N, C-alpha and C. Protein backbone atom coordinates (compact mmCIF):
# COMPACT_ATOMS: atom_id res chain seq x y z
N MET A 1 51.08 -31.58 -15.00
CA MET A 1 50.23 -31.51 -16.17
C MET A 1 50.98 -32.13 -17.34
N SER A 2 50.24 -32.83 -18.16
CA SER A 2 50.84 -33.48 -19.32
C SER A 2 50.02 -33.14 -20.56
N LEU A 3 50.71 -32.81 -21.62
CA LEU A 3 50.03 -32.52 -22.88
C LEU A 3 50.45 -33.54 -23.92
N ARG A 4 49.50 -33.97 -24.70
CA ARG A 4 49.80 -34.88 -25.80
C ARG A 4 49.90 -34.08 -27.09
N PRO A 5 50.85 -34.41 -27.94
CA PRO A 5 50.93 -33.71 -29.23
C PRO A 5 49.64 -33.92 -30.02
N ARG A 6 49.13 -32.84 -30.62
CA ARG A 6 47.89 -32.95 -31.37
C ARG A 6 47.95 -32.20 -32.68
N SER A 7 49.11 -32.02 -33.24
CA SER A 7 49.24 -31.30 -34.50
C SER A 7 48.41 -31.97 -35.59
N GLY A 8 47.71 -31.17 -36.35
CA GLY A 8 46.94 -31.69 -37.46
C GLY A 8 45.61 -32.29 -37.08
N GLU A 9 45.23 -32.19 -35.81
CA GLU A 9 43.97 -32.77 -35.37
C GLU A 9 42.80 -32.00 -35.97
N GLN A 10 41.83 -32.72 -36.44
CA GLN A 10 40.66 -32.11 -37.07
C GLN A 10 39.47 -32.15 -36.12
N VAL A 11 38.62 -31.14 -36.20
CA VAL A 11 37.38 -31.12 -35.45
C VAL A 11 36.42 -32.07 -36.16
N PRO A 12 35.79 -32.99 -35.42
CA PRO A 12 34.83 -33.91 -36.07
C PRO A 12 33.73 -33.12 -36.79
N LEU A 13 33.29 -33.61 -37.94
CA LEU A 13 32.32 -32.93 -38.77
C LEU A 13 31.04 -32.58 -38.01
N LEU A 14 30.50 -33.52 -37.27
CA LEU A 14 29.26 -33.26 -36.53
C LEU A 14 29.47 -32.17 -35.48
N THR A 15 30.61 -32.17 -34.81
CA THR A 15 30.92 -31.14 -33.82
C THR A 15 30.97 -29.77 -34.49
N ALA A 16 31.63 -29.68 -35.63
CA ALA A 16 31.72 -28.41 -36.36
C ALA A 16 30.34 -27.93 -36.80
N GLN A 17 29.50 -28.85 -37.28
CA GLN A 17 28.16 -28.48 -37.73
C GLN A 17 27.32 -27.94 -36.56
N ILE A 18 27.38 -28.61 -35.42
CA ILE A 18 26.63 -28.17 -34.25
C ILE A 18 27.14 -26.82 -33.77
N ALA A 19 28.45 -26.63 -33.75
CA ALA A 19 29.03 -25.36 -33.30
C ALA A 19 28.58 -24.22 -34.21
N ARG A 20 28.60 -24.44 -35.52
CA ARG A 20 28.20 -23.38 -36.46
C ARG A 20 26.70 -23.10 -36.36
N THR A 21 25.90 -24.15 -36.14
CA THR A 21 24.45 -23.97 -36.04
C THR A 21 24.08 -23.23 -34.76
N SER A 22 24.74 -23.58 -33.67
CA SER A 22 24.39 -22.96 -32.39
C SER A 22 25.05 -21.59 -32.20
N ASN A 23 26.04 -21.27 -33.00
CA ASN A 23 26.73 -19.97 -32.93
C ASN A 23 26.91 -19.41 -34.34
N PRO A 24 25.81 -18.98 -34.98
CA PRO A 24 25.92 -18.53 -36.37
C PRO A 24 26.90 -17.38 -36.58
N GLY A 25 27.08 -16.56 -35.56
CA GLY A 25 28.03 -15.46 -35.68
C GLY A 25 29.43 -15.88 -35.30
N GLY A 26 29.60 -17.13 -34.88
CA GLY A 26 30.90 -17.63 -34.46
C GLY A 26 31.22 -17.23 -33.03
N THR A 27 32.33 -17.73 -32.55
CA THR A 27 32.83 -17.39 -31.22
C THR A 27 34.30 -16.99 -31.38
N THR A 28 34.87 -16.47 -30.33
CA THR A 28 36.29 -16.10 -30.39
C THR A 28 37.15 -17.32 -30.72
N ALA A 29 36.86 -18.44 -30.07
CA ALA A 29 37.65 -19.65 -30.32
C ALA A 29 37.52 -20.12 -31.77
N MET A 30 36.33 -20.02 -32.33
CA MET A 30 36.13 -20.42 -33.73
C MET A 30 36.88 -19.48 -34.66
N TRP A 31 36.85 -18.20 -34.37
CA TRP A 31 37.56 -17.21 -35.18
C TRP A 31 39.06 -17.50 -35.19
N VAL A 32 39.61 -17.76 -33.99
CA VAL A 32 41.05 -18.04 -33.87
C VAL A 32 41.41 -19.29 -34.66
N ARG A 33 40.65 -20.37 -34.49
CA ARG A 33 40.97 -21.61 -35.20
C ARG A 33 40.84 -21.42 -36.71
N ASP A 34 39.80 -20.75 -37.16
CA ASP A 34 39.60 -20.55 -38.60
C ASP A 34 40.76 -19.79 -39.24
N ARG A 35 41.34 -18.86 -38.51
CA ARG A 35 42.37 -18.01 -39.09
C ARG A 35 43.80 -18.42 -38.77
N LEU A 36 44.00 -19.04 -37.63
CA LEU A 36 45.37 -19.34 -37.20
C LEU A 36 45.71 -20.82 -37.17
N ASP A 37 44.77 -21.69 -37.49
CA ASP A 37 45.03 -23.12 -37.46
C ASP A 37 46.19 -23.46 -38.40
N GLY A 38 47.15 -24.18 -37.87
CA GLY A 38 48.30 -24.59 -38.66
C GLY A 38 49.45 -23.61 -38.65
N LEU A 39 49.25 -22.46 -38.04
CA LEU A 39 50.33 -21.47 -37.98
C LEU A 39 51.47 -21.96 -37.10
N TRP A 40 51.12 -22.59 -35.99
CA TRP A 40 52.12 -23.17 -35.10
C TRP A 40 51.83 -24.64 -34.90
N ARG A 41 52.85 -25.40 -34.59
CA ARG A 41 52.72 -26.83 -34.28
C ARG A 41 53.16 -27.05 -32.85
N ASP A 42 52.72 -28.13 -32.24
CA ASP A 42 53.12 -28.45 -30.87
C ASP A 42 54.64 -28.52 -30.76
N GLU A 43 55.29 -29.04 -31.79
CA GLU A 43 56.73 -29.21 -31.77
C GLU A 43 57.47 -27.86 -31.66
N ASP A 44 56.83 -26.79 -32.09
CA ASP A 44 57.45 -25.47 -32.01
C ASP A 44 57.67 -25.02 -30.57
N PHE A 45 56.94 -25.61 -29.63
CA PHE A 45 57.01 -25.20 -28.23
C PHE A 45 57.63 -26.27 -27.33
N ALA A 46 58.09 -27.35 -27.88
CA ALA A 46 58.61 -28.47 -27.09
C ALA A 46 59.77 -28.06 -26.20
N ASP A 47 60.63 -27.18 -26.65
CA ASP A 47 61.80 -26.75 -25.86
C ASP A 47 61.42 -25.87 -24.68
N TRP A 48 60.19 -25.38 -24.64
CA TRP A 48 59.75 -24.52 -23.55
C TRP A 48 59.46 -25.30 -22.27
N TYR A 49 59.30 -26.62 -22.40
CA TYR A 49 58.86 -27.45 -21.27
C TYR A 49 59.88 -28.56 -20.98
N PRO A 50 60.06 -28.87 -19.71
CA PRO A 50 61.00 -29.95 -19.38
C PRO A 50 60.45 -31.30 -19.82
N ALA A 51 61.35 -32.23 -20.03
CA ALA A 51 60.95 -33.57 -20.48
C ALA A 51 60.26 -34.32 -19.34
């Protein structure tokens, strides 16, 4: 498995609008992103995985 660094990646505006419209009460994933986005960066976990 390979992961690409994605720090600072933004959800496209149309995607966010559709998600909010189709889930007015939000979802667990939306709650987590709204509150914890930016708390950790991919680089914080780089040492956990082999090169």
